[in-house]
Amino acid sequence: MTILTSRDFNHNVSKAKSMSRHEPVFITDRGTPSHVLLSYQQYELLLKKTQSNAERLGMCIEDLTQIDDDFEFERAVLTDRQVEL
């Protein structure tokens, strides 16, 4: 993980851009992370990994267990209904 201070980033933007091609660069402001510099390719990969809850619900149970979120999905139990004619 690469970390730059705001001052270092401002003094050498080209170096930060070069470093971001290999991994995200975290930029701090007074010791606190404030920004992350990513290459465009890394950004596109990040977008592709994002799924909506609706997309997740369409996944099989094995794939659902791979999701690292603060909530869990309960498996729905579907039963046949009696239809009156």
PDB file of N, CA and C in Angstrom:
ATOM      1  N   MET A   1       0.848  -1.163   0.000  1.00  0.00           N
ATOM      2  CA  MET A   1       0.000   0.000   0.000  1.00  0.00           C
ATOM      3  C   MET A   1       0.902   1.237   0.000  1.00  0.00           C
ATOM      4  N   THR A   2       0.645   2.129  -0.931  1.00  0.00           N
ATOM      5  CA  THR A   2       1.423   3.351  -1.044  1.00  0.00           C
ATOM      6  C   THR A   2       0.661   4.509  -0.413  1.00  0.00           C
ATOM      7  N   ILE A   3       1.348   5.262   0.430  1.00  0.00           N
ATOM      8  CA  ILE A   3       0.730   6.406   1.105  1.00  0.00           C
ATOM      9  C   ILE A   3       1.568   7.639   0.822  1.00  0.00           C
ATOM     10  N   LEU A   4       0.906   8.711   0.414  1.00  0.00           N
ATOM     11  CA  LEU A   4       1.567  10.003   0.191  1.00  0.00           C
ATOM     12  C   LEU A   4       0.853  11.075   0.998  1.00  0.00           C
ATOM     13  N   THR A   5       1.604  12.013   1.498  1.00  0.00           N
ATOM     14  CA  THR A   5       0.977  13.169   2.129  1.00  0.00           C
ATOM     15  C   THR A   5       0.453  14.092   1.032  1.00  0.00           C
ATOM     16  N   SER A   6      -0.477  14.958   1.376  1.00  0.00           N
ATOM     17  CA  SER A   6      -0.997  15.924   0.399  1.00  0.00           C
ATOM     18  C   SER A   6       0.133  16.761  -0.182  1.00  0.00           C
ATOM     19  N   ARG A   7       1.065  17.120   0.669  1.00  0.00           N
ATOM     20  CA  ARG A   7       2.185  17.945   0.220  1.00  0.00           C
ATOM     21  C   ARG A   7       3.041  17.201  -0.802  1.00  0.00           C
ATOM     22  N   ASP A   8       3.378  15.933  -0.494  1.00  0.00           N
ATOM     23  CA  ASP A   8       4.166  15.136  -1.434  1.00  0.00           C
ATOM     24  C   ASP A   8       3.423  14.952  -2.754  1.00  0.00           C
ATOM     25  N   PHE A   9       2.108  14.712  -2.666  1.00  0.00           N
ATOM     26  CA  PHE A   9       1.308  14.554  -3.869  1.00  0.00           C
ATOM     27  C   PHE A   9       1.346  15.827  -4.707  1.00  0.00           C
ATOM     28  N   ASN A  10       1.164  16.985  -4.094  1.00  0.00           N
ATOM     29  CA  ASN A  10       1.168  18.258  -4.820  1.00  0.00           C
ATOM     30  C   ASN A  10       2.518  18.560  -5.459  1.00  0.00           C
ATOM     31  N   HIS A  11       3.595  18.144  -4.809  1.00  0.00           N
ATOM     32  CA  HIS A  11       4.932  18.407  -5.338  1.00  0.00           C
ATOM     33  C   HIS A  11       5.329  17.460  -6.466  1.00  0.00           C
ATOM     34  N   ASN A  12       4.704  16.274  -6.506  1.00  0.00           N
ATOM     35  CA  ASN A  12       5.115  15.310  -7.517  1.00  0.00           C
ATOM     36  C   ASN A  12       3.926  14.470  -7.990  1.00  0.00           C
ATOM     37  N   VAL A  13       3.033  15.105  -8.707  1.00  0.00           N
ATOM     38  CA  VAL A  13       1.835  14.439  -9.211  1.00  0.00           C
ATOM     39  C   VAL A  13       2.199  13.325 -10.187  1.00  0.00           C
ATOM     40  N   SER A  14       3.184  13.545 -11.041  1.00  0.00           N
ATOM     41  CA  SER A  14       3.548  12.518 -12.031  1.00  0.00           C
ATOM     42  C   SER A  14       4.053  11.247 -11.350  1.00  0.00           C
ATOM     43  N   LYS A  15       4.779  11.382 -10.253  1.00  0.00           N
ATOM     44  CA  LYS A  15       5.251  10.214  -9.509  1.00  0.00           C
ATOM     45  C   LYS A  15       4.053   9.452  -8.923  1.00  0.00           C
ATOM     46  N   ALA A  16       3.084  10.179  -8.387  1.00  0.00           N
ATOM     47  CA  ALA A  16       1.881   9.550  -7.823  1.00  0.00           C
ATOM     48  C   ALA A  16       1.107   8.811  -8.907  1.00  0.00           C
ATOM     49  N   LYS A  17       0.968   9.438 -10.084  1.00  0.00           N
ATOM     50  CA  LYS A  17       0.269   8.792 -11.191  1.00  0.00           C
ATOM     51  C   LYS A  17       0.990   7.517 -11.606  1.00  0.00           C
ATOM     52  N   SER A  18       2.291   7.560 -11.656  1.00  0.00           N
ATOM     53  CA  SER A  18       3.083   6.391 -12.029  1.00  0.00           C
ATOM     54  C   SER A  18       2.904   5.265 -11.009  1.00  0.00           C
ATOM     55  N   MET A  19       2.926   5.603  -9.726  1.00  0.00           N
ATOM     56  CA  MET A  19       2.762   4.602  -8.670  1.00  0.00           C
ATOM     57  C   MET A  19       1.356   4.006  -8.695  1.00  0.00           C
ATOM     58  N   SER A  20       0.358   4.789  -9.099  1.00  0.00           N
ATOM     59  CA  SER A  20      -1.021   4.299  -9.095  1.00  0.00           C
ATOM     60  C   SER A  20      -1.283   3.276 -10.205  1.00  0.00           C
ATOM     61  N   ARG A  21      -0.364   3.149 -11.147  1.00  0.00           N
ATOM     62  CA  ARG A  21      -0.525   2.133 -12.193  1.00  0.00           C
ATOM     63  C   ARG A  21      -0.363   0.726 -11.619  1.00  0.00           C
ATOM     64  N   HIS A  22       0.356   0.605 -10.504  1.00  0.00           N
ATOM     65  CA  HIS A  22       0.638  -0.695  -9.902  1.00  0.00           C
ATOM     66  C   HIS A  22      -0.287  -1.017  -8.744  1.00  0.00           C
ATOM     67  N   GLU A  23      -0.683  -0.007  -7.981  1.00  0.00           N
ATOM     68  CA  GLU A  23      -1.558  -0.200  -6.833  1.00  0.00           C
ATOM     69  C   GLU A  23      -2.183   1.140  -6.451  1.00  0.00           C
ATOM     70  N   PRO A  24      -3.285   1.120  -5.718  1.00  0.00           N
ATOM     71  CA  PRO A  24      -3.895   2.382  -5.295  1.00  0.00           C
ATOM     72  C   PRO A  24      -2.937   3.197  -4.427  1.00  0.00           C
ATOM     73  N   VAL A  25      -2.991   4.500  -4.582  1.00  0.00           N
ATOM     74  CA  VAL A  25      -2.155   5.407  -3.793  1.00  0.00           C
ATOM     75  C   VAL A  25      -3.071   6.177  -2.851  1.00  0.00           C
ATOM     76  N   PHE A  26      -2.827   6.046  -1.558  1.00  0.00           N
ATOM     77  CA  PHE A  26      -3.623   6.737  -0.549  1.00  0.00           C
ATOM     78  C   PHE A  26      -2.967   8.076  -0.246  1.00  0.00           C
ATOM     79  N   ILE A  27      -3.767   9.137  -0.277  1.00  0.00           N
ATOM     80  CA  ILE A  27      -3.269  10.486  -0.023  1.00  0.00           C
ATOM     81  C   ILE A  27      -3.840  10.951   1.301  1.00  0.00           C
ATOM     82  N   THR A  28      -2.954  11.401   2.178  1.00  0.00           N
ATOM     83  CA  THR A  28      -3.396  11.816   3.506  1.00  0.00           C
ATOM     84  C   THR A  28      -3.414  13.331   3.631  1.00  0.00           C
ATOM     85  N   ASP A  29      -4.286  13.799   4.483  1.00  0.00           N
ATOM     86  CA  ASP A  29      -4.364  15.213   4.822  1.00  0.00           C
ATOM     87  C   ASP A  29      -4.253  15.314   6.331  1.00  0.00           C
ATOM     88  N   ARG A  30      -3.107  15.813   6.797  1.00  0.00           N
ATOM     89  CA  ARG A  30      -2.805  15.894   8.229  1.00  0.00           C
ATOM     90  C   ARG A  30      -2.880  14.536   8.908  1.00  0.00           C
ATOM     91  N   GLY A  31      -2.359  13.525   8.207  1.00  0.00           N
ATOM     92  CA  GLY A  31      -2.269  12.188   8.779  1.00  0.00           C
ATOM     93  C   GLY A  31      -3.499  11.318   8.600  1.00  0.00           C
ATOM     94  N   THR A  32      -4.568  11.877   8.066  1.00  0.00           N
ATOM     95  CA  THR A  32      -5.812  11.127   7.875  1.00  0.00           C
ATOM     96  C   THR A  32      -6.018  10.861   6.383  1.00  0.00           C
ATOM     97  N   PRO A  33      -6.279   9.608   5.998  1.00  0.00           N
ATOM     98  CA  PRO A  33      -6.530   9.334   4.580  1.00  0.00           C
ATOM     99  C   PRO A  33      -7.712  10.164   4.068  1.00  0.00           C
ATOM    100  N   SER A  34      -7.506  10.850   2.943  1.00  0.00           N
ATOM    101  CA  SER A  34      -8.560  11.707   2.412  1.00  0.00           C
ATOM    102  C   SER A  34      -8.927  11.372   0.967  1.00  0.00           C
ATOM    103  N   HIS A  35      -7.994  10.803   0.212  1.00  0.00           N
ATOM    104  CA  HIS A  35      -8.247  10.477  -1.191  1.00  0.00           C
ATOM    105  C   HIS A  35      -7.496   9.201  -1.568  1.00  0.00           C
ATOM    106  N   VAL A  36      -7.981   8.568  -2.644  1.00  0.00           N
ATOM    107  CA  VAL A  36      -7.305   7.401  -3.203  1.00  0.00           C
ATOM    108  C   VAL A  36      -7.155   7.635  -4.694  1.00  0.00           C
ATOM    109  N   LEU A  37      -5.953   7.470  -5.187  1.00  0.00           N
ATOM    110  CA  LEU A  37      -5.668   7.628  -6.609  1.00  0.00           C
ATOM    111  C   LEU A  37      -5.554   6.239  -7.231  1.00  0.00           C
ATOM    112  N   LEU A  38      -6.409   5.979  -8.240  1.00  0.00           N
ATOM    113  CA  LEU A  38      -6.426   4.693  -8.936  1.00  0.00           C
ATOM    114  C   LEU A  38      -6.147   4.899 -10.410  1.00  0.00           C
ATOM    115  N   SER A  39      -5.590   3.882 -11.047  1.00  0.00           N
ATOM    116  CA  SER A  39      -5.516   3.925 -12.498  1.00  0.00           C
ATOM    117  C   SER A  39      -6.922   3.692 -13.030  1.00  0.00           C
ATOM    118  N   TYR A  40      -7.163   4.073 -14.268  1.00  0.00           N
ATOM    119  CA  TYR A  40      -8.488   3.894 -14.850  1.00  0.00           C
ATOM    120  C   TYR A  40      -8.850   2.411 -14.951  1.00  0.00           C
ATOM    121  N   GLN A  41      -7.877   1.569 -15.228  1.00  0.00           N
ATOM    122  CA  GLN A  41      -8.116   0.131 -15.312  1.00  0.00           C
ATOM    123  C   GLN A  41      -8.560  -0.425 -13.956  1.00  0.00           C
ATOM    124  N   GLN A  42      -7.926   0.024 -12.883  1.00  0.00           N
ATOM    125  CA  GLN A  42      -8.326  -0.413 -11.548  1.00  0.00           C
ATOM    126  C   GLN A  42      -9.735   0.070 -11.216  1.00  0.00           C
ATOM    127  N   TYR A  43     -10.054   1.276 -11.625  1.00  0.00           N
ATOM    128  CA  TYR A  43     -11.380   1.829 -11.393  1.00  0.00           C
ATOM    129  C   TYR A  43     -12.448   1.009 -12.119  1.00  0.00           C
ATOM    130  N   GLU A  44     -12.183   0.640 -13.375  1.00  0.00           N
ATOM    131  CA  GLU A  44     -13.130  -0.174 -14.131  1.00  0.00           C
ATOM    132  C   GLU A  44     -13.343  -1.538 -13.467  1.00  0.00           C
ATOM    133  N   LEU A  45     -12.278  -2.141 -12.960  1.00  0.00           N
ATOM    134  CA  LEU A  45     -12.412  -3.418 -12.265  1.00  0.00           C
ATOM    135  C   LEU A  45     -13.258  -3.265 -11.011  1.00  0.00           C
ATOM    136  N   LEU A  46     -13.065  -2.170 -10.321  1.00  0.00           N
ATOM    137  CA  LEU A  46     -13.847  -1.900  -9.112  1.00  0.00           C
ATOM    138  C   LEU A  46     -15.327  -1.777  -9.446  1.00  0.00           C
ATOM    139  N   LEU A  47     -15.657  -1.124 -10.536  1.00  0.00           N
ATOM    140  CA  LEU A  47     -17.050  -0.982 -10.946  1.00  0.00           C
ATOM    141  C   LEU A  47     -17.670  -2.322 -11.322  1.00  0.00           C
ATOM    142  N   LYS A  48     -16.903  -3.168 -11.973  1.00  0.00           N
ATOM    143  CA  LYS A  48     -17.414  -4.468 -12.399  1.00  0.00           C
ATOM    144  C   LYS A  48     -17.712  -5.376 -11.220  1.00  0.00           C
ATOM    145  N   LYS A  49     -17.007  -5.199 -10.114  1.00  0.00           N
ATOM    146  CA  LYS A  49     -17.211  -6.042  -8.941  1.00  0.00           C
ATOM    147  C   LYS A  49     -18.463  -5.646  -8.167  1.00  0.00           C
ATOM    148  N   THR A  50     -18.968  -4.453  -8.396  1.00  0.00           N
ATOM    149  CA  THR A  50     -20.115  -3.965  -7.658  1.00  0.00           C
ATOM    150  C   THR A  50     -21.399  -4.559  -8.235  1.00  0.00           C
ATOM    151  N   GLN A  51     -22.210  -5.122  -7.363  1.00  0.00           N
ATOM    152  CA  GLN A  51     -23.476  -5.685  -7.781  1.00  0.00           C
ATOM    153  C   GLN A  51     -24.588  -5.111  -6.908  1.00  0.00           C
ATOM    154  N   SER A  52     -25.757  -4.999  -7.488  1.00  0.00           N
ATOM    155  CA  SER A  52     -26.911  -4.561  -6.714  1.00  0.00           C
ATOM    156  C   SER A  52     -27.441  -5.737  -5.907  1.00  0.00           C
ATOM    157  N   ASN A  53     -28.270  -5.457  -4.918  1.00  0.00           N
ATOM    158  CA  ASN A  53     -28.871  -6.539  -4.142  1.00  0.00           C
ATOM    159  C   ASN A  53     -29.732  -7.421  -5.023  1.00  0.00           C
ATOM    160  N   ALA A  54     -30.396  -6.840  -6.005  1.00  0.00           N
ATOM    161  CA  ALA A  54     -31.220  -7.628  -6.920  1.00  0.00           C
ATOM    162  C   ALA A  54     -30.362  -8.617  -7.689  1.00  0.00           C
ATOM    163  N   GLU A  55     -29.184  -8.188  -8.126  1.00  0.00           N
ATOM    164  CA  GLU A  55     -28.280  -9.102  -8.834  1.00  0.00           C
ATOM    165  C   GLU A  55     -27.778 -10.195  -7.899  1.00  0.00           C
ATOM    166  N   ARG A  56     -27.504  -9.822  -6.646  1.00  0.00           N
ATOM    167  CA  ARG A  56     -27.032 -10.814  -5.682  1.00  0.00           C
ATOM    168  C   ARG A  56     -28.095 -11.867  -5.395  1.00  0.00           C
ATOM    169  N   LEU A  57     -29.359 -11.460  -5.348  1.00  0.00           N
ATOM    170  CA  LEU A  57     -30.428 -12.411  -5.067  1.00  0.00           C
ATOM    171  C   LEU A  57     -30.552 -13.471  -6.150  1.00  0.00           C
ATOM    172  N   GLY A  58     -30.104 -13.168  -7.345  1.00  0.00           N
ATOM    173  CA  GLY A  58     -30.141 -14.124  -8.428  1.00  0.00           C
ATOM    174  C   GLY A  58     -28.992 -15.108  -8.391  1.00  0.00           C
ATOM    175  N   MET A  59     -28.095 -14.967  -7.420  1.00  0.00           N
ATOM    176  CA  MET A  59     -26.929 -15.836  -7.335  1.00  0.00           C
ATOM    177  C   MET A  59     -27.272 -17.136  -6.617  1.00  0.00           C
ATOM    178  N   CYS A  60     -26.492 -18.172  -6.877  1.00  0.00           N
ATOM    179  CA  CYS A  60     -26.675 -19.434  -6.157  1.00  0.00           C
ATOM    180  C   CYS A  60     -26.111 -19.293  -4.743  1.00  0.00           C
ATOM    181  N   ILE A  61     -26.483 -20.197  -3.862  1.00  0.00           N
ATOM    182  CA  ILE A  61     -26.102 -20.102  -2.443  1.00  0.00           C
ATOM    183  C   ILE A  61     -24.586 -20.138  -2.257  1.00  0.00           C
ATOM    184  N   GLU A  62     -23.876 -20.875  -3.110  1.00  0.00           N
ATOM    185  CA  GLU A  62     -22.417 -20.934  -2.984  1.00  0.00           C
ATOM    186  C   GLU A  62     -21.791 -19.567  -3.253  1.00  0.00           C
ATOM    187  N   ASP A  63     -22.325 -18.851  -4.251  1.00  0.00           N
ATOM    188  CA  ASP A  63     -21.804 -17.522  -4.552  1.00  0.00           C
ATOM    189  C   ASP A  63     -22.187 -16.515  -3.480  1.00  0.00           C
ATOM    190  N   LEU A  64     -23.372 -16.673  -2.900  1.00  0.00           N
ATOM    191  CA  LEU A  64     -23.803 -15.756  -1.839  1.00  0.00           C
ATOM    192  C   LEU A  64     -22.887 -15.830  -0.631  1.00  0.00           C
ATOM    193  N   THR A  65     -22.358 -17.012  -0.337  1.00  0.00           N
ATOM    194  CA  THR A  65     -21.481 -17.153   0.827  1.00  0.00           C
ATOM    195  C   THR A  65     -20.148 -16.439   0.619  1.00  0.00           C
ATOM    196  N   GLN A  66     -19.819 -16.117  -0.621  1.00  0.00           N
ATOM    197  CA  GLN A  66     -18.570 -15.416  -0.922  1.00  0.00           C
ATOM    198  C   GLN A  66     -18.661 -13.911  -0.666  1.00  0.00           C
ATOM    199  N   ILE A  67     -19.871 -13.390  -0.487  1.00  0.00           N
ATOM    200  CA  ILE A  67     -20.068 -11.952  -0.300  1.00  0.00           C
ATOM    201  C   ILE A  67     -19.688 -11.577   1.124  1.00  0.00           C
ATOM    202  N   ASP A  68     -18.853 -10.563   1.254  1.00  0.00           N
ATOM    203  CA  ASP A  68     -18.399 -10.107   2.564  1.00  0.00           C
ATOM    204  C   ASP A  68     -19.105  -8.803   2.911  1.00  0.00           C
ATOM    205  N   ASP A  69     -20.347  -8.898   3.384  1.00  0.00           N
ATOM    206  CA  ASP A  69     -21.130  -7.724   3.765  1.00  0.00           C
ATOM    207  C   ASP A  69     -21.542  -7.847   5.223  1.00  0.00           C
ATOM    208  N   ASP A  70     -22.134  -6.800   5.755  1.00  0.00           N
ATOM    209  CA  ASP A  70     -22.575  -6.792   7.139  1.00  0.00           C
ATOM    210  C   ASP A  70     -23.932  -7.470   7.322  1.00  0.00           C
ATOM    211  N   PHE A  71     -24.508  -7.953   6.274  1.00  0.00           N
ATOM    212  CA  PHE A  71     -25.812  -8.607   6.383  1.00  0.00           C
ATOM    213  C   PHE A  71     -25.784  -9.947   5.665  1.00  0.00           C
ATOM    214  N   GLU A  72     -26.756 -10.777   6.010  1.00  0.00           N
ATOM    215  CA  GLU A  72     -26.839 -12.097   5.401  1.00  0.00           C
ATOM    216  C   GLU A  72     -28.185 -12.249   4.720  1.00  0.00           C
ATOM    217  N   PHE A  73     -28.200 -13.017   3.669  1.00  0.00           N
ATOM    218  CA  PHE A  73     -29.438 -13.333   2.972  1.00  0.00           C
ATOM    219  C   PHE A  73     -29.993 -14.633   3.544  1.00  0.00           C
ATOM    220  N   GLU A  74     -31.295 -14.682   3.723  1.00  0.00           N
ATOM    221  CA  GLU A  74     -31.938 -15.935   4.099  1.00  0.00           C
ATOM    222  C   GLU A  74     -32.468 -16.587   2.838  1.00  0.00           C
ATOM    223  N   ARG A  75     -32.290 -17.870   2.752  1.00  0.00           N
ATOM    224  CA  ARG A  75     -32.754 -18.586   1.569  1.00  0.00           C
ATOM    225  C   ARG A  75     -34.275 -18.668   1.607  1.00  0.00           C
ATOM    226  N   ALA A  76     -34.914 -18.306   0.523  1.00  0.00           N
ATOM    227  CA  ALA A  76     -36.371 -18.357   0.424  1.00  0.00           C
ATOM    228  C   ALA A  76     -36.817 -19.790   0.181  1.00  0.00           C
ATOM    229  N   VAL A  77     -37.912 -20.164   0.820  1.00  0.00           N
ATOM    230  CA  VAL A  77     -38.495 -21.480   0.612  1.00  0.00           C
ATOM    231  C   VAL A  77     -39.768 -21.280  -0.197  1.00  0.00           C
ATOM    232  N   LEU A  78     -39.811 -21.851  -1.382  1.00  0.00           N
ATOM    233  CA  LEU A  78     -40.956 -21.708  -2.262  1.00  0.00           C
ATOM    234  C   LEU A  78     -41.777 -22.989  -2.230  1.00  0.00           C
ATOM    235  N   THR A  79     -43.067 -22.838  -2.064  1.00  0.00           N
ATOM    236  CA  THR A  79     -43.950 -23.997  -2.040  1.00  0.00           C
ATOM    237  C   THR A  79     -45.037 -23.815  -3.087  1.00  0.00           C
ATOM    238  N   ASP A  80     -45.593 -24.941  -3.536  1.00  0.00           N
ATOM    239  CA  ASP A  80     -46.696 -24.876  -4.499  1.00  0.00           C
ATOM    240  C   ASP A  80     -47.965 -24.425  -3.787  1.00  0.00           C
ATOM    241  N   ARG A  81     -48.767 -23.637  -4.483  1.00  0.00           N
ATOM    242  CA  ARG A  81     -50.039 -23.185  -3.947  1.00  0.00           C
ATOM    243  C   ARG A  81     -51.158 -23.981  -4.572  1.00  0.00           C
ATOM    244  N   GLN A  82     -52.164 -24.217  -3.796  1.00  0.00           N
ATOM    245  CA  GLN A  82     -53.365 -24.865  -4.321  1.00  0.00           C
ATOM    246  C   GLN A  82     -54.183 -23.829  -5.072  1.00  0.00           C
ATOM    247  N   VAL A  83     -54.562 -24.148  -6.296  1.00  0.00           N
ATOM    248  CA  VAL A  83     -55.364 -23.241  -7.104  1.00  0.00           C
ATOM    249  C   VAL A  83     -56.787 -23.776  -7.148  1.00  0.00           C
ATOM    250  N   GLU A  84     -57.735 -22.960  -6.747  1.00  0.00           N
ATOM    251  CA  GLU A  84     -59.142 -23.376  -6.771  1.00  0.00           C
ATOM    252  C   GLU A  84     -59.745 -22.972  -8.094  1.00  0.00           C
ATOM    253  N   LEU A  85     -60.435 -23.883  -8.727  1.00  0.00           N
ATOM    254  CA  LEU A  85     -61.095 -23.614 -10.008  1.00  0.00           C
ATOM    255  C   LEU A  85     -62.561 -23.366  -9.848  1.00  0.00           C
TER     256      LEU A  85
END
